[in-house]
């Protein structure tokens, strides 16, 4: 494992909270860290297993809802749990949902999987309007991250503390996802991606491999959703929308799905365009679309 990309990622995440105690730089860094986790989790499906998904935001969105509801329980004194570990609620919820939806959608790869994932994404997004008690309707669900038990005396009222929390979770998640690529399941995922028919001939069950990878990817997407709930203190149906899944696909394409850090680079670029560039021109999605088209044409 080359150390240079890891050092660069660590520096990008650690420098802003060291240099600033608030403001735009910390918000940008926090959003970028969450986007990196999402892009890398998406690439577990797309780059490593060959699964084109249009519904990956479902797992991050449900993870966000699980975390925000847990945060509300913490604020009400009904649950005693350190906020620093709250993203685990999101990860578990994302993985649990992937167990259910993965069982249905992992039967086939290719276009079939893509269409099923799109249908699942639209179904869950539509369900948000039908179950306002859980999803909060159009307003979403809000909570206060200052409530709850500090971990080692550390609270998360400040943007600086939240940025450190996201930085730690981003590095830990990236390391675990990189380690996944070296596991037997990671190698089997590559085999299923390259030639599922041949993999089946030598005794590999492509459906089982796809399903297990979806569960792992759903867990990390849920972690990102939990971090987003802490950062913004609100989760709404927009977190489940197909557009959120599309941004993960863009990150993988723009950065390069064939390299582990490629989607992370794409996520950083998209976050920069949607925040910093958006302050200069409201037409930033046009430039992002042109960049995406250029990358696809050259691929």
C-alpha atoms as a PDB file:
ATOM      1  CA  UNK A   1       0.000   0.000   0.000  1.00  0.00           C
ATOM      2  CA  UNK A   2       1.536   3.295  -1.107  1.00  0.00           C
ATOM      3  CA  UNK A   3       1.592   5.797   1.743  1.00  0.00           C
ATOM      4  CA  UNK A   4       1.556   8.998  -0.336  1.00  0.00           C
ATOM      5  CA  UNK A   5      -2.205   9.064  -1.153  1.00  0.00           C
ATOM      6  CA  UNK A   6      -3.026   8.329   2.481  1.00  0.00           C
ATOM      7  CA  UNK A   7      -0.792  11.128   3.709  1.00  0.00           C
ATOM      8  CA  UNK A   8      -2.392  13.545   1.252  1.00  0.00           C
ATOM      9  CA  UNK A   9      -5.900  12.530   2.337  1.00  0.00           C
ATOM     10  CA  UNK A  10      -4.964  12.830   6.018  1.00  0.00           C
ATOM     11  CA  UNK A  11      -3.418  16.259   5.425  1.00  0.00           C
ATOM     12  CA  UNK A  12      -6.466  17.527   3.529  1.00  0.00           C
ATOM     13  CA  UNK A  13      -8.753  16.397   6.343  1.00  0.00           C
ATOM     14  CA  UNK A  14      -6.577  17.530   9.258  1.00  0.00           C
ATOM     15  CA  UNK A  15      -5.296  20.895   8.042  1.00  0.00           C
ATOM     16  CA  UNK A  16      -8.586  22.893   8.159  1.00  0.00           C
ATOM     17  CA  UNK A  17      -9.547  22.016  11.769  1.00  0.00           C
ATOM     18  CA  UNK A  18      -5.968  22.747  12.817  1.00  0.00           C
ATOM     19  CA  UNK A  19      -5.927  26.133  11.098  1.00  0.00           C
ATOM     20  CA  UNK A  20      -9.521  27.302  11.606  1.00  0.00           C
ATOM     21  CA  UNK A  21     -12.025  27.165  14.441  1.00  0.00           C
ATOM     22  CA  UNK A  22     -15.064  27.776  12.244  1.00  0.00           C
ATOM     23  CA  UNK A  23     -16.297  29.057   8.925  1.00  0.00           C
ATOM     24  CA  UNK A  24     -16.526  27.878   5.352  1.00  0.00           C
ATOM     25  CA  UNK A  25     -13.281  25.855   5.334  1.00  0.00           C
ATOM     26  CA  UNK A  26     -14.514  23.493   8.057  1.00  0.00           C
ATOM     27  CA  UNK A  27     -17.910  23.033   6.416  1.00  0.00           C
ATOM     28  CA  UNK A  28     -16.266  22.292   3.078  1.00  0.00           C
ATOM     29  CA  UNK A  29     -13.874  19.786   4.658  1.00  0.00           C
ATOM     30  CA  UNK A  30     -16.679  18.041   6.535  1.00  0.00           C
ATOM     31  CA  UNK A  31     -18.801  17.728   3.402  1.00  0.00           C
ATOM     32  CA  UNK A  32     -15.795  16.483   1.448  1.00  0.00           C
ATOM     33  CA  UNK A  33     -15.058  13.789   4.028  1.00  0.00           C
ATOM     34  CA  UNK A  34     -18.621  12.495   3.863  1.00  0.00           C
ATOM     35  CA  UNK A  35     -18.527  12.573   0.058  1.00  0.00           C
ATOM     36  CA  UNK A  36     -15.299  10.555   0.055  1.00  0.00           C
ATOM     37  CA  UNK A  37     -16.886   7.787   2.136  1.00  0.00           C
ATOM     38  CA  UNK A  38     -19.929   7.738  -0.136  1.00  0.00           C
ATOM     39  CA  UNK A  39     -17.863   7.610  -3.315  1.00  0.00           C
ATOM     40  CA  UNK A  40     -15.612   4.834  -2.030  1.00  0.00           C
ATOM     41  CA  UNK A  41     -18.598   2.805  -0.827  1.00  0.00           C
ATOM     42  CA  UNK A  42     -20.251   3.260  -4.221  1.00  0.00           C
ATOM     43  CA  UNK A  43     -17.105   2.070  -5.937  1.00  0.00           C
ATOM     44  CA  UNK A  44     -17.251  -1.175  -3.969  1.00  0.00           C
ATOM     45  CA  UNK A  45     -20.224  -1.911  -6.202  1.00  0.00           C
ATOM     46  CA  UNK A  46     -19.257  -0.139  -9.404  1.00  0.00           C
ATOM     47  CA  UNK A  47     -15.498  -0.430  -9.700  1.00  0.00           C
ATOM     48  CA  UNK A  48     -14.849  -3.622  -7.753  1.00  0.00           C
ATOM     49  CA  UNK A  49     -17.940  -5.688  -8.551  1.00  0.00           C
ATOM     50  CA  UNK A  50     -19.141  -4.177 -11.826  1.00  0.00           C
ATOM     51  CA  UNK A  51     -22.559  -3.147 -10.502  1.00  0.00           C
ATOM     52  CA  UNK A  52     -23.994   0.106 -11.832  1.00  0.00           C
ATOM     53  CA  UNK A  53     -26.331   1.379  -9.118  1.00  0.00           C
ATOM     54  CA  UNK A  54     -28.803   4.244  -9.295  1.00  0.00           C
ATOM     55  CA  UNK A  55     -30.093   3.689  -5.770  1.00  0.00           C
ATOM     56  CA  UNK A  56     -27.055   3.835  -3.505  1.00  0.00           C
ATOM     57  CA  UNK A  57     -28.384   6.974  -1.805  1.00  0.00           C
ATOM     58  CA  UNK A  58     -31.073   4.789  -0.231  1.00  0.00           C
ATOM     59  CA  UNK A  59     -28.513   3.263   2.121  1.00  0.00           C
ATOM     60  CA  UNK A  60     -26.878   6.539   3.090  1.00  0.00           C
ATOM     61  CA  UNK A  61     -30.281   8.173   3.460  1.00  0.00           C
ATOM     62  CA  UNK A  62     -31.696   5.454   5.701  1.00  0.00           C
ATOM     63  CA  UNK A  63     -28.447   5.529   7.654  1.00  0.00           C
ATOM     64  CA  UNK A  64     -28.972   9.241   8.143  1.00  0.00           C
ATOM     65  CA  UNK A  65     -32.533   8.711   9.336  1.00  0.00           C
ATOM     66  CA  UNK A  66     -31.436   6.005  11.783  1.00  0.00           C
ATOM     67  CA  UNK A  67     -28.761   8.309  13.177  1.00  0.00           C
ATOM     68  CA  UNK A  68     -31.029  11.356  13.442  1.00  0.00           C
ATOM     69  CA  UNK A  69     -33.720   9.367  15.272  1.00  0.00           C
ATOM     70  CA  UNK A  70     -31.071   7.991  17.636  1.00  0.00           C
ATOM     71  CA  UNK A  71     -29.830  11.545  18.183  1.00  0.00           C
ATOM     72  CA  UNK A  72     -33.355  12.654  19.082  1.00  0.00           C
ATOM     73  CA  UNK A  73     -33.601   9.820  21.609  1.00  0.00           C
ATOM     74  CA  UNK A  74     -30.273  10.887  23.074  1.00  0.00           C
ATOM     75  CA  UNK A  75     -31.521  14.461  23.353  1.00  0.00           C
ATOM     76  CA  UNK A  76     -34.690  13.269  25.097  1.00  0.00           C
ATOM     77  CA  UNK A  77     -32.655  11.261  27.596  1.00  0.00           C
ATOM     78  CA  UNK A  78     -34.129   7.964  26.401  1.00  0.00           C
ATOM     79  CA  UNK A  79     -30.840   6.686  24.977  1.00  0.00           C
ATOM     80  CA  UNK A  80     -27.356   7.029  26.422  1.00  0.00           C
ATOM     81  CA  UNK A  81     -24.797   6.703  23.673  1.00  0.00           C
ATOM     82  CA  UNK A  82     -21.685   8.720  22.761  1.00  0.00           C
ATOM     83  CA  UNK A  83     -22.225  10.971  19.763  1.00  0.00           C
ATOM     84  CA  UNK A  84     -18.819  10.044  18.338  1.00  0.00           C
ATOM     85  CA  UNK A  85     -20.090   6.503  17.742  1.00  0.00           C
ATOM     86  CA  UNK A  86     -23.508   7.558  16.432  1.00  0.00           C
ATOM     87  CA  UNK A  87     -22.550   6.837  12.776  1.00  0.00           C
ATOM     88  CA  UNK A  88     -22.608   3.148  13.711  1.00  0.00           C
ATOM     89  CA  UNK A  89     -26.405   3.412  13.886  1.00  0.00           C
ATOM     90  CA  UNK A  90     -26.346   4.611  10.301  1.00  0.00           C
ATOM     91  CA  UNK A  91     -23.965   1.866   9.229  1.00  0.00           C
ATOM     92  CA  UNK A  92     -26.074  -0.874  10.777  1.00  0.00           C
ATOM     93  CA  UNK A  93     -29.260   0.541   9.228  1.00  0.00           C
ATOM     94  CA  UNK A  94     -27.618   0.802   5.801  1.00  0.00           C
ATOM     95  CA  UNK A  95     -26.322  -2.756   6.006  1.00  0.00           C
ATOM     96  CA  UNK A  96     -29.695  -4.085   7.178  1.00  0.00           C
ATOM     97  CA  UNK A  97     -31.467  -2.446   4.253  1.00  0.00           C
ATOM     98  CA  UNK A  98     -28.839  -3.826   1.879  1.00  0.00           C
ATOM     99  CA  UNK A  99     -29.546  -7.317   3.223  1.00  0.00           C
ATOM    100  CA  UNK A 100     -33.163  -6.913   2.124  1.00  0.00           C
ATOM    101  CA  UNK A 101     -32.754  -5.076  -1.170  1.00  0.00           C
ATOM    102  CA  UNK A 102     -29.528  -6.854  -2.061  1.00  0.00           C
ATOM    103  CA  UNK A 103     -31.265 -10.210  -1.892  1.00  0.00           C
ATOM    104  CA  UNK A 104     -33.683  -9.021  -4.570  1.00  0.00           C
ATOM    105  CA  UNK A 105     -31.354  -7.062  -6.841  1.00  0.00           C
ATOM    106  CA  UNK A 106     -28.212  -9.214  -6.759  1.00  0.00           C
ATOM    107  CA  UNK A 107     -29.653 -12.000  -8.905  1.00  0.00           C
ATOM    108  CA  UNK A 108     -28.349 -10.344 -12.067  1.00  0.00           C
ATOM    109  CA  UNK A 109     -25.700  -7.802 -12.930  1.00  0.00           C
ATOM    110  CA  UNK A 110     -25.530  -5.371 -15.819  1.00  0.00           C
ATOM    111  CA  UNK A 111     -28.581  -3.437 -16.962  1.00  0.00           C
ATOM    112  CA  UNK A 112     -30.957  -5.588 -14.911  1.00  0.00           C
ATOM    113  CA  UNK A 113     -29.241  -4.618 -11.673  1.00  0.00           C
ATOM    114  CA  UNK A 114     -29.124  -0.965 -12.705  1.00  0.00           C
ATOM    115  CA  UNK A 115     -32.865  -0.854 -13.409  1.00  0.00           C
ATOM    116  CA  UNK A 116     -33.762  -2.684 -10.196  1.00  0.00           C
ATOM    117  CA  UNK A 117     -31.599  -0.303  -8.174  1.00  0.00           C
ATOM    118  CA  UNK A 118     -33.308   2.651  -9.847  1.00  0.00           C
ATOM    119  CA  UNK A 119     -36.716   1.205  -9.016  1.00  0.00           C
ATOM    120  CA  UNK A 120     -35.729   0.618  -5.396  1.00  0.00           C
ATOM    121  CA  UNK A 121     -34.402   4.138  -5.095  1.00  0.00           C
ATOM    122  CA  UNK A 122     -37.577   5.685  -6.480  1.00  0.00           C
ATOM    123  CA  UNK A 123     -39.734   3.420  -4.312  1.00  0.00           C
ATOM    124  CA  UNK A 124     -37.989   4.404  -1.081  1.00  0.00           C
ATOM    125  CA  UNK A 125     -37.980   8.075  -2.052  1.00  0.00           C
ATOM    126  CA  UNK A 126     -41.717   7.928  -2.715  1.00  0.00           C
ATOM    127  CA  UNK A 127     -42.272   6.116   0.590  1.00  0.00           C
ATOM    128  CA  UNK A 128     -40.845   9.123   2.404  1.00  0.00           C
ATOM    129  CA  UNK A 129     -44.050  11.035   1.641  1.00  0.00           C
ATOM    130  CA  UNK A 130     -46.220   8.119   2.759  1.00  0.00           C
ATOM    131  CA  UNK A 131     -44.653   7.639   6.197  1.00  0.00           C
ATOM    132  CA  UNK A 132     -44.145  11.123   7.660  1.00  0.00           C
ATOM    133  CA  UNK A 133     -43.810   9.767  11.197  1.00  0.00           C
ATOM    134  CA  UNK A 134     -40.438   8.261  10.289  1.00  0.00           C
ATOM    135  CA  UNK A 135     -39.302  10.432   7.380  1.00  0.00           C
ATOM    136  CA  UNK A 136     -40.652  13.758   8.622  1.00  0.00           C
ATOM    137  CA  UNK A 137     -42.477  14.678   5.430  1.00  0.00           C
ATOM    138  CA  UNK A 138     -41.169  17.584   3.380  1.00  0.00           C
ATOM    139  CA  UNK A 139     -39.555  19.234   6.415  1.00  0.00           C
ATOM    140  CA  UNK A 140     -37.519  16.170   7.343  1.00  0.00           C
ATOM    141  CA  UNK A 141     -36.294  15.226  10.823  1.00  0.00           C
ATOM    142  CA  UNK A 142     -34.155  17.560  12.909  1.00  0.00           C
ATOM    143  CA  UNK A 143     -32.099  17.028  16.050  1.00  0.00           C
ATOM    144  CA  UNK A 144     -29.541  18.777  18.256  1.00  0.00           C
ATOM    145  CA  UNK A 145     -26.014  17.356  18.190  1.00  0.00           C
ATOM    146  CA  UNK A 146     -25.066  19.205  21.390  1.00  0.00           C
ATOM    147  CA  UNK A 147     -27.271  16.827  23.376  1.00  0.00           C
ATOM    148  CA  UNK A 148     -25.949  13.573  24.720  1.00  0.00           C
ATOM    149  CA  UNK A 149     -22.924  12.210  26.503  1.00  0.00           C
ATOM    150  CA  UNK A 150     -19.506  13.520  25.419  1.00  0.00           C
ATOM    151  CA  UNK A 151     -16.856  10.907  24.638  1.00  0.00           C
ATOM    152  CA  UNK A 152     -13.765  11.432  26.809  1.00  0.00           C
ATOM    153  CA  UNK A 153     -15.187  14.813  27.711  1.00  0.00           C
ATOM    154  CA  UNK A 154     -15.321  15.942  24.069  1.00  0.00           C
ATOM    155  CA  UNK A 155     -18.544  17.535  22.840  1.00  0.00           C
ATOM    156  CA  UNK A 156     -19.534  18.386  19.295  1.00  0.00           C
ATOM    157  CA  UNK A 157     -21.166  21.772  19.547  1.00  0.00           C
ATOM    158  CA  UNK A 158     -18.426  23.406  17.472  1.00  0.00           C
ATOM    159  CA  UNK A 159     -17.828  22.963  13.751  1.00  0.00           C
ATOM    160  CA  UNK A 160     -14.185  22.241  14.542  1.00  0.00           C
ATOM    161  CA  UNK A 161     -15.036  19.224  16.708  1.00  0.00           C
ATOM    162  CA  UNK A 162     -17.452  17.882  14.087  1.00  0.00           C
ATOM    163  CA  UNK A 163     -14.801  18.292  11.400  1.00  0.00           C
ATOM    164  CA  UNK A 164     -12.339  16.255  13.483  1.00  0.00           C
ATOM    165  CA  UNK A 165     -14.996  13.588  14.014  1.00  0.00           C
ATOM    166  CA  UNK A 166     -15.694  13.330  10.287  1.00  0.00           C
ATOM    167  CA  UNK A 167     -11.974  13.281   9.493  1.00  0.00           C
ATOM    168  CA  UNK A 168     -11.401  10.326  11.828  1.00  0.00           C
ATOM    169  CA  UNK A 169     -14.372   8.403  10.459  1.00  0.00           C
ATOM    170  CA  UNK A 170     -13.336   9.151   6.875  1.00  0.00           C
ATOM    171  CA  UNK A 171      -9.812   7.823   7.363  1.00  0.00           C
ATOM    172  CA  UNK A 172     -11.025   4.772   9.296  1.00  0.00           C
ATOM    173  CA  UNK A 173     -13.674   3.956   6.682  1.00  0.00           C
ATOM    174  CA  UNK A 174     -11.246   4.436   3.794  1.00  0.00           C
ATOM    175  CA  UNK A 175      -8.702   2.136   5.448  1.00  0.00           C
ATOM    176  CA  UNK A 176     -11.334  -0.549   6.019  1.00  0.00           C
ATOM    177  CA  UNK A 177     -12.627  -0.311   2.453  1.00  0.00           C
ATOM    178  CA  UNK A 178      -9.074  -0.526   1.132  1.00  0.00           C
ATOM    179  CA  UNK A 179      -8.484  -3.589   3.305  1.00  0.00           C
ATOM    180  CA  UNK A 180     -11.663  -5.086   1.846  1.00  0.00           C
ATOM    181  CA  UNK A 181     -10.091  -5.080  -1.617  1.00  0.00           C
ATOM    182  CA  UNK A 182      -7.380  -7.421  -0.288  1.00  0.00           C
ATOM    183  CA  UNK A 183      -9.789  -9.927   1.265  1.00  0.00           C
ATOM    184  CA  UNK A 184     -10.964 -13.142  -0.436  1.00  0.00           C
ATOM    185  CA  UNK A 185     -14.396 -11.561  -0.918  1.00  0.00           C
ATOM    186  CA  UNK A 186     -12.799  -8.552  -2.581  1.00  0.00           C
ATOM    187  CA  UNK A 187     -10.918 -10.831  -4.976  1.00  0.00           C
ATOM    188  CA  UNK A 188     -14.089 -12.788  -5.709  1.00  0.00           C
ATOM    189  CA  UNK A 189     -15.884  -9.522  -6.447  1.00  0.00           C
ATOM    190  CA  UNK A 190     -13.243  -8.733  -9.075  1.00  0.00           C
ATOM    191  CA  UNK A 191     -13.714 -12.179 -10.606  1.00  0.00           C
ATOM    192  CA  UNK A 192     -17.493 -11.731 -10.783  1.00  0.00           C
ATOM    193  CA  UNK A 193     -17.011  -8.292 -12.303  1.00  0.00           C
ATOM    194  CA  UNK A 194     -14.652  -9.526 -15.019  1.00  0.00           C
ATOM    195  CA  UNK A 195     -16.492 -12.697 -16.026  1.00  0.00           C
ATOM    196  CA  UNK A 196     -19.458 -13.880 -13.937  1.00  0.00           C
ATOM    197  CA  UNK A 197     -20.098 -16.898 -16.175  1.00  0.00           C
ATOM    198  CA  UNK A 198     -16.556 -18.192 -15.788  1.00  0.00           C
ATOM    199  CA  UNK A 199     -16.642 -17.454 -12.058  1.00  0.00           C
ATOM    200  CA  UNK A 200     -19.777 -19.588 -11.767  1.00  0.00           C
ATOM    201  CA  UNK A 201     -18.085 -22.422 -13.670  1.00  0.00           C
ATOM    202  CA  UNK A 202     -15.312 -22.671 -11.078  1.00  0.00           C
ATOM    203  CA  UNK A 203     -17.742 -22.787  -8.171  1.00  0.00           C
ATOM    204  CA  UNK A 204     -18.197 -19.114  -7.274  1.00  0.00           C
ATOM    205  CA  UNK A 205     -21.772 -17.984  -6.650  1.00  0.00           C
ATOM    206  CA  UNK A 206     -21.979 -14.548  -8.356  1.00  0.00           C
ATOM    207  CA  UNK A 207     -25.246 -13.676  -6.665  1.00  0.00           C
ATOM    208  CA  UNK A 208     -23.887 -14.402  -3.196  1.00  0.00           C
ATOM    209  CA  UNK A 209     -20.762 -12.342  -3.888  1.00  0.00           C
ATOM    210  CA  UNK A 210     -22.812  -9.393  -5.163  1.00  0.00           C
ATOM    211  CA  UNK A 211     -25.108  -9.615  -2.153  1.00  0.00           C
ATOM    212  CA  UNK A 212     -22.278  -9.621   0.389  1.00  0.00           C
ATOM    213  CA  UNK A 213     -20.548  -6.705  -1.315  1.00  0.00           C
ATOM    214  CA  UNK A 214     -23.825  -4.773  -1.307  1.00  0.00           C
ATOM    215  CA  UNK A 215     -24.138  -5.311   2.444  1.00  0.00           C
ATOM    216  CA  UNK A 216     -20.603  -4.041   3.024  1.00  0.00           C
ATOM    217  CA  UNK A 217     -21.164  -1.057   0.731  1.00  0.00           C
ATOM    218  CA  UNK A 218     -24.490  -0.335   2.432  1.00  0.00           C
ATOM    219  CA  UNK A 219     -22.753  -0.274   5.811  1.00  0.00           C
ATOM    220  CA  UNK A 220     -20.227   2.358   4.770  1.00  0.00           C
ATOM    221  CA  UNK A 221     -22.876   4.391   2.950  1.00  0.00           C
ATOM    222  CA  UNK A 222     -24.883   4.341   6.184  1.00  0.00           C
ATOM    223  CA  UNK A 223     -21.822   5.572   8.076  1.00  0.00           C
ATOM    224  CA  UNK A 224     -21.668   8.542   5.707  1.00  0.00           C
ATOM    225  CA  UNK A 225     -25.379   9.154   6.232  1.00  0.00           C
ATOM    226  CA  UNK A 226     -24.890   9.157   9.999  1.00  0.00           C
ATOM    227  CA  UNK A 227     -22.072  11.681   9.715  1.00  0.00           C
ATOM    228  CA  UNK A 228     -24.246  13.866   7.499  1.00  0.00           C
ATOM    229  CA  UNK A 229     -26.983  13.789  10.141  1.00  0.00           C
ATOM    230  CA  UNK A 230     -24.500  15.008  12.753  1.00  0.00           C
ATOM    231  CA  UNK A 231     -23.103  17.718  10.492  1.00  0.00           C
ATOM    232  CA  UNK A 232     -26.367  19.231   9.271  1.00  0.00           C
ATOM    233  CA  UNK A 233     -28.626  18.156  12.177  1.00  0.00           C
ATOM    234  CA  UNK A 234     -31.369  17.370   9.654  1.00  0.00           C
ATOM    235  CA  UNK A 235     -32.245  14.502   7.314  1.00  0.00           C
ATOM    236  CA  UNK A 236     -34.925  14.813   4.642  1.00  0.00           C
ATOM    237  CA  UNK A 237     -36.245  12.920   1.634  1.00  0.00           C
ATOM    238  CA  UNK A 238     -33.676  14.720  -0.512  1.00  0.00           C
ATOM    239  CA  UNK A 239     -31.049  12.453   1.024  1.00  0.00           C
ATOM    240  CA  UNK A 240     -32.800   9.499  -0.645  1.00  0.00           C
ATOM    241  CA  UNK A 241     -33.185  11.051  -4.093  1.00  0.00           C
ATOM    242  CA  UNK A 242     -31.753   9.591  -7.283  1.00  0.00           C
ATOM    243  CA  UNK A 243     -29.722  12.756  -7.745  1.00  0.00           C
ATOM    244  CA  UNK A 244     -27.711  11.900  -4.643  1.00  0.00           C
ATOM    245  CA  UNK A 245     -26.897   8.499  -6.164  1.00  0.00           C
ATOM    246  CA  UNK A 246     -25.949  10.174  -9.431  1.00  0.00           C
ATOM    247  CA  UNK A 247     -23.363  12.339  -7.674  1.00  0.00           C
ATOM    248  CA  UNK A 248     -21.650   9.175  -6.409  1.00  0.00           C
ATOM    249  CA  UNK A 249     -21.629   7.772  -9.938  1.00  0.00           C
ATOM    250  CA  UNK A 250     -20.167  11.044 -11.207  1.00  0.00           C
ATOM    251  CA  UNK A 251     -17.418  10.878  -8.588  1.00  0.00           C
ATOM    252  CA  UNK A 252     -16.478   7.336  -9.603  1.00  0.00           C
ATOM    253  CA  UNK A 253     -16.436   8.212 -13.304  1.00  0.00           C
ATOM    254  CA  UNK A 254     -14.615  11.521 -12.990  1.00  0.00           C
ATOM    255  CA  UNK A 255     -11.965  10.258 -10.593  1.00  0.00           C
ATOM    256  CA  UNK A 256     -11.587   6.837 -12.175  1.00  0.00           C
ATOM    257  CA  UNK A 257     -13.253   3.684 -10.862  1.00  0.00           C
ATOM    258  CA  UNK A 258     -10.207   1.537 -11.640  1.00  0.00           C
ATOM    259  CA  UNK A 259      -8.101   3.172  -8.926  1.00  0.00           C
ATOM    260  CA  UNK A 260      -9.029   2.976  -5.249  1.00  0.00           C
ATOM    261  CA  UNK A 261      -8.485   6.694  -4.661  1.00  0.00           C
ATOM    262  CA  UNK A 262     -10.063   7.730  -7.965  1.00  0.00           C
ATOM    263  CA  UNK A 263     -13.624   8.085  -6.620  1.00  0.00           C
ATOM    264  CA  UNK A 264     -12.267   9.965  -3.600  1.00  0.00           C
ATOM    265  CA  UNK A 265     -10.636  12.464  -5.943  1.00  0.00           C
ATOM    266  CA  UNK A 266     -13.884  12.767  -7.888  1.00  0.00           C
ATOM    267  CA  UNK A 267     -15.811  13.321  -4.656  1.00  0.00           C
ATOM    268  CA  UNK A 268     -13.445  16.104  -3.608  1.00  0.00           C
ATOM    269  CA  UNK A 269     -13.837  17.778  -6.999  1.00  0.00           C
ATOM    270  CA  UNK A 270     -17.636  17.575  -6.963  1.00  0.00           C
ATOM    271  CA  UNK A 271     -17.787  18.904  -3.399  1.00  0.00           C
ATOM    272  CA  UNK A 272     -15.543  21.799  -4.361  1.00  0.00           C
ATOM    273  CA  UNK A 273     -17.711  22.626  -7.370  1.00  0.00           C
ATOM    274  CA  UNK A 274     -20.999  22.364  -5.474  1.00  0.00           C
ATOM    275  CA  UNK A 275     -19.792  24.645  -2.669  1.00  0.00           C
ATOM    276  CA  UNK A 276     -16.900  26.921  -3.609  1.00  0.00           C
ATOM    277  CA  UNK A 277     -17.674  27.245  -7.323  1.00  0.00           C
ATOM    278  CA  UNK A 278     -21.382  27.630  -6.559  1.00  0.00           C
ATOM    279  CA  UNK A 279     -20.585  30.869  -4.726  1.00  0.00           C
ATOM    280  CA  UNK A 280     -19.119  32.249  -7.963  1.00  0.00           C
ATOM    281  CA  UNK A 281     -21.707  31.044 -10.466  1.00  0.00           C
ATOM    282  CA  UNK A 282     -25.069  29.267 -10.156  1.00  0.00           C
ATOM    283  CA  UNK A 283     -24.262  27.488 -13.426  1.00  0.00           C
ATOM    284  CA  UNK A 284     -21.784  25.105 -11.784  1.00  0.00           C
ATOM    285  CA  UNK A 285     -23.899  21.992 -12.629  1.00  0.00           C
ATOM    286  CA  UNK A 286     -23.406  22.809 -16.312  1.00  0.00           C
ATOM    287  CA  UNK A 287     -19.639  22.725 -15.909  1.00  0.00           C
ATOM    288  CA  UNK A 288     -19.873  19.513 -13.906  1.00  0.00           C
ATOM    289  CA  UNK A 289     -21.999  17.958 -16.644  1.00  0.00           C
ATOM    290  CA  UNK A 290     -19.544  19.015 -19.331  1.00  0.00           C
ATOM    291  CA  UNK A 291     -16.688  17.544 -17.309  1.00  0.00           C
ATOM    292  CA  UNK A 292     -18.593  14.284 -16.897  1.00  0.00           C
ATOM    293  CA  UNK A 293     -19.302  14.080 -20.638  1.00  0.00           C
ATOM    294  CA  UNK A 294     -15.653  14.742 -21.445  1.00  0.00           C
ATOM    295  CA  UNK A 295     -14.484  12.007 -19.069  1.00  0.00           C
ATOM    296  CA  UNK A 296     -16.975   9.468 -20.455  1.00  0.00           C
ATOM    297  CA  UNK A 297     -15.991  10.244 -24.056  1.00  0.00           C
ATOM    298  CA  UNK A 298     -12.313   9.774 -23.257  1.00  0.00           C
ATOM    299  CA  UNK A 299     -12.841   6.590 -21.235  1.00  0.00           C
END
